[in-house]
Amino acid sequence: MSNIEYMNECMARDLAVMLVEDYQISIPEALNVLYNSETYEKLQDARTGLYFQSPVYVYDFLLQELKNGKIA
């Protein structure tokens, strides 16, 4: 596993935990939301550099996507 892959996995874990806490949903539901999001797609693209950002910063993108149906 590369460093970027590891950082993406850690980010996904943190984002899922935040979803569970904020929306009172299960871990599988949170992962489903995350893995089917445009935010996660962007996170997987190393060119975006999102893997290097803080989870709170990336979570804000996810919240905007959930609120607006797309990344603002």
N, C-alpha and C. Protein backbone atom coordinates (compact mmCIF):
# COMPACT_ATOMS: atom_id res chain seq x y z
N MET A 1 0.85 -1.17 0.00
CA MET A 1 0.00 0.00 0.00
C MET A 1 0.90 1.24 0.00
N SER A 2 0.59 2.16 -0.88
CA SER A 2 1.38 3.40 -0.96
C SER A 2 0.98 4.35 0.17
N ASN A 3 1.80 5.36 0.36
CA ASN A 3 1.50 6.38 1.37
C ASN A 3 0.19 7.09 1.07
N ILE A 4 -0.06 7.38 -0.20
CA ILE A 4 -1.29 8.07 -0.58
C ILE A 4 -2.50 7.18 -0.31
N GLU A 5 -2.40 5.91 -0.63
CA GLU A 5 -3.50 4.98 -0.36
C GLU A 5 -3.78 4.90 1.14
N TYR A 6 -2.72 4.84 1.92
CA TYR A 6 -2.87 4.78 3.37
C TYR A 6 -3.53 6.05 3.89
N MET A 7 -3.10 7.20 3.41
CA MET A 7 -3.69 8.47 3.84
C MET A 7 -5.17 8.56 3.43
N ASN A 8 -5.50 8.04 2.25
CA ASN A 8 -6.90 8.01 1.82
C ASN A 8 -7.75 7.13 2.73
N GLU A 9 -7.21 5.98 3.11
CA GLU A 9 -7.95 5.08 4.01
C GLU A 9 -8.16 5.71 5.38
N CYS A 10 -7.15 6.39 5.88
CA CYS A 10 -7.28 7.09 7.17
C CYS A 10 -8.31 8.20 7.06
N MET A 11 -8.29 8.92 5.95
CA MET A 11 -9.26 9.99 5.72
C MET A 11 -10.68 9.42 5.66
N ALA A 12 -10.86 8.33 4.94
CA ALA A 12 -12.18 7.71 4.82
C ALA A 12 -12.69 7.29 6.19
N ARG A 13 -11.81 6.73 7.01
CA ARG A 13 -12.19 6.33 8.37
C ARG A 13 -12.67 7.54 9.16
N ASP A 14 -11.91 8.62 9.10
CA ASP A 14 -12.26 9.82 9.86
C ASP A 14 -13.56 10.44 9.36
N LEU A 15 -13.75 10.47 8.05
CA LEU A 15 -14.98 11.03 7.49
C LEU A 15 -16.20 10.19 7.88
N ALA A 16 -16.05 8.87 7.86
CA ALA A 16 -17.14 7.99 8.25
C ALA A 16 -17.51 8.21 9.72
N VAL A 17 -16.52 8.35 10.57
CA VAL A 17 -16.78 8.58 12.00
C VAL A 17 -17.54 9.90 12.18
N MET A 18 -17.15 10.92 11.45
CA MET A 18 -17.84 12.21 11.55
C MET A 18 -19.29 12.09 11.09
N LEU A 19 -19.53 11.34 10.02
CA LEU A 19 -20.90 11.12 9.55
C LEU A 19 -21.73 10.39 10.60
N VAL A 20 -21.15 9.37 11.21
CA VAL A 20 -21.85 8.61 12.26
C VAL A 20 -22.23 9.53 13.41
N GLU A 21 -21.28 10.36 13.82
CA GLU A 21 -21.54 11.26 14.95
C GLU A 21 -22.56 12.34 14.62
N ASP A 22 -22.45 12.94 13.45
CA ASP A 22 -23.33 14.06 13.09
C ASP A 22 -24.73 13.63 12.67
N TYR A 23 -24.84 12.49 12.01
CA TYR A 23 -26.13 12.06 11.46
C TYR A 23 -26.74 10.86 12.20
N GLN A 24 -26.04 10.38 13.22
CA GLN A 24 -26.55 9.24 14.01
C GLN A 24 -26.92 8.06 13.12
N ILE A 25 -26.03 7.73 12.20
CA ILE A 25 -26.24 6.59 11.31
C ILE A 25 -25.20 5.53 11.64
N SER A 26 -25.40 4.34 11.11
CA SER A 26 -24.46 3.24 11.36
C SER A 26 -23.19 3.41 10.53
N ILE A 27 -22.17 2.70 10.90
CA ILE A 27 -20.91 2.75 10.14
C ILE A 27 -21.12 2.29 8.70
N PRO A 28 -21.82 1.16 8.47
CA PRO A 28 -22.04 0.77 7.07
C PRO A 28 -22.79 1.83 6.26
N GLU A 29 -23.77 2.49 6.89
CA GLU A 29 -24.49 3.56 6.19
C GLU A 29 -23.57 4.73 5.89
N ALA A 30 -22.74 5.09 6.85
CA ALA A 30 -21.80 6.20 6.65
C ALA A 30 -20.82 5.89 5.52
N LEU A 31 -20.32 4.67 5.51
CA LEU A 31 -19.40 4.28 4.44
C LEU A 31 -20.08 4.27 3.09
N ASN A 32 -21.33 3.86 3.06
CA ASN A 32 -22.10 3.88 1.81
C ASN A 32 -22.25 5.30 1.30
N VAL A 33 -22.59 6.23 2.18
CA VAL A 33 -22.71 7.63 1.81
C VAL A 33 -21.38 8.14 1.26
N LEU A 34 -20.32 7.86 2.01
CA LEU A 34 -19.00 8.35 1.62
C LEU A 34 -18.55 7.76 0.30
N TYR A 35 -18.59 6.43 0.18
CA TYR A 35 -18.05 5.77 -1.01
C TYR A 35 -18.82 6.10 -2.28
N ASN A 36 -20.06 6.56 -2.14
CA ASN A 36 -20.87 6.92 -3.30
C ASN A 36 -20.91 8.42 -3.55
N SER A 37 -20.00 9.15 -2.91
CA SER A 37 -19.99 10.60 -3.05
C SER A 37 -18.96 11.08 -4.08
N GLU A 38 -19.22 12.26 -4.59
CA GLU A 38 -18.27 12.92 -5.47
C GLU A 38 -17.01 13.30 -4.68
N THR A 39 -17.20 13.61 -3.41
CA THR A 39 -16.07 13.96 -2.55
C THR A 39 -15.09 12.80 -2.47
N TYR A 40 -15.60 11.59 -2.30
CA TYR A 40 -14.73 10.42 -2.23
C TYR A 40 -14.02 10.19 -3.56
N GLU A 41 -14.74 10.42 -4.63
CA GLU A 41 -14.14 10.28 -5.96
C GLU A 41 -12.96 11.25 -6.10
N LYS A 42 -13.16 12.48 -5.65
CA LYS A 42 -12.07 13.47 -5.70
C LYS A 42 -10.93 13.08 -4.76
N LEU A 43 -11.26 12.53 -3.61
CA LEU A 43 -10.24 12.09 -2.66
C LEU A 43 -9.36 11.01 -3.26
N GLN A 44 -9.93 10.14 -4.06
CA GLN A 44 -9.18 9.05 -4.68
C GLN A 44 -8.26 9.52 -5.80
N ASP A 45 -8.50 10.71 -6.30
CA ASP A 45 -7.66 11.28 -7.36
C ASP A 45 -6.51 12.04 -6.69
N ALA A 46 -5.32 11.47 -6.73
CA ALA A 46 -4.16 12.05 -6.05
C ALA A 46 -3.85 13.46 -6.55
N ARG A 47 -4.26 13.77 -7.76
CA ARG A 47 -3.97 15.10 -8.32
C ARG A 47 -4.69 16.22 -7.57
N THR A 48 -5.80 15.90 -6.88
CA THR A 48 -6.54 16.93 -6.15
C THR A 48 -5.83 17.35 -4.87
N GLY A 49 -5.00 16.44 -4.32
CA GLY A 49 -4.29 16.74 -3.08
C GLY A 49 -5.17 16.68 -1.84
N LEU A 50 -6.42 16.23 -1.97
CA LEU A 50 -7.31 16.18 -0.81
C LEU A 50 -6.80 15.23 0.26
N TYR A 51 -6.10 14.19 -0.14
CA TYR A 51 -5.57 13.22 0.83
C TYR A 51 -4.62 13.89 1.82
N PHE A 52 -4.07 15.03 1.44
CA PHE A 52 -3.08 15.74 2.25
C PHE A 52 -3.72 16.78 3.17
N GLN A 53 -5.01 17.02 3.00
CA GLN A 53 -5.74 18.02 3.79
C GLN A 53 -6.24 17.40 5.10
N SER A 54 -6.75 18.24 5.97
CA SER A 54 -7.29 17.74 7.23
C SER A 54 -8.66 17.10 6.98
N PRO A 55 -9.03 16.12 7.78
CA PRO A 55 -10.35 15.50 7.63
C PRO A 55 -11.49 16.52 7.77
N VAL A 56 -11.34 17.50 8.63
CA VAL A 56 -12.39 18.51 8.81
C VAL A 56 -12.57 19.31 7.53
N TYR A 57 -11.48 19.64 6.87
CA TYR A 57 -11.54 20.38 5.60
C TYR A 57 -12.28 19.56 4.54
N VAL A 58 -11.94 18.30 4.41
CA VAL A 58 -12.58 17.43 3.41
C VAL A 58 -14.03 17.17 3.79
N TYR A 59 -14.29 17.04 5.10
CA TYR A 59 -15.66 16.81 5.57
C TYR A 59 -16.57 17.97 5.16
N ASP A 60 -16.03 19.18 5.16
CA ASP A 60 -16.82 20.33 4.73
C ASP A 60 -17.26 20.18 3.28
N PHE A 61 -16.39 19.66 2.42
CA PHE A 61 -16.77 19.37 1.03
C PHE A 61 -17.91 18.35 1.00
N LEU A 62 -17.78 17.31 1.80
CA LEU A 62 -18.81 16.27 1.84
C LEU A 62 -20.14 16.83 2.33
N LEU A 63 -20.11 17.66 3.36
CA LEU A 63 -21.34 18.25 3.87
C LEU A 63 -22.01 19.14 2.81
N GLN A 64 -21.19 19.92 2.10
CA GLN A 64 -21.74 20.75 1.03
C GLN A 64 -22.36 19.90 -0.07
N GLU A 65 -21.71 18.79 -0.37
CA GLU A 65 -22.25 17.89 -1.38
C GLU A 65 -23.58 17.28 -0.92
N LEU A 66 -23.63 16.87 0.33
CA LEU A 66 -24.87 16.29 0.85
C LEU A 66 -25.99 17.31 0.90
N LYS A 67 -25.64 18.55 1.20
CA LYS A 67 -26.63 19.62 1.29
C LYS A 67 -27.12 20.06 -0.09
N ASN A 68 -26.18 20.20 -1.03
CA ASN A 68 -26.50 20.77 -2.35
C ASN A 68 -26.58 19.74 -3.47
N GLY A 69 -26.21 18.51 -3.21
CA GLY A 69 -26.23 17.49 -4.25
C GLY A 69 -24.98 17.48 -5.12
N LYS A 70 -24.06 18.40 -4.83
CA LYS A 70 -22.81 18.46 -5.56
C LYS A 70 -21.81 19.27 -4.73
N ILE A 71 -20.56 19.17 -5.09
CA ILE A 71 -19.54 19.97 -4.41
C ILE A 71 -19.68 21.41 -4.89
N ALA A 72 -19.78 22.32 -3.94
CA ALA A 72 -19.96 23.74 -4.30
C ALA A 72 -18.67 24.35 -4.79
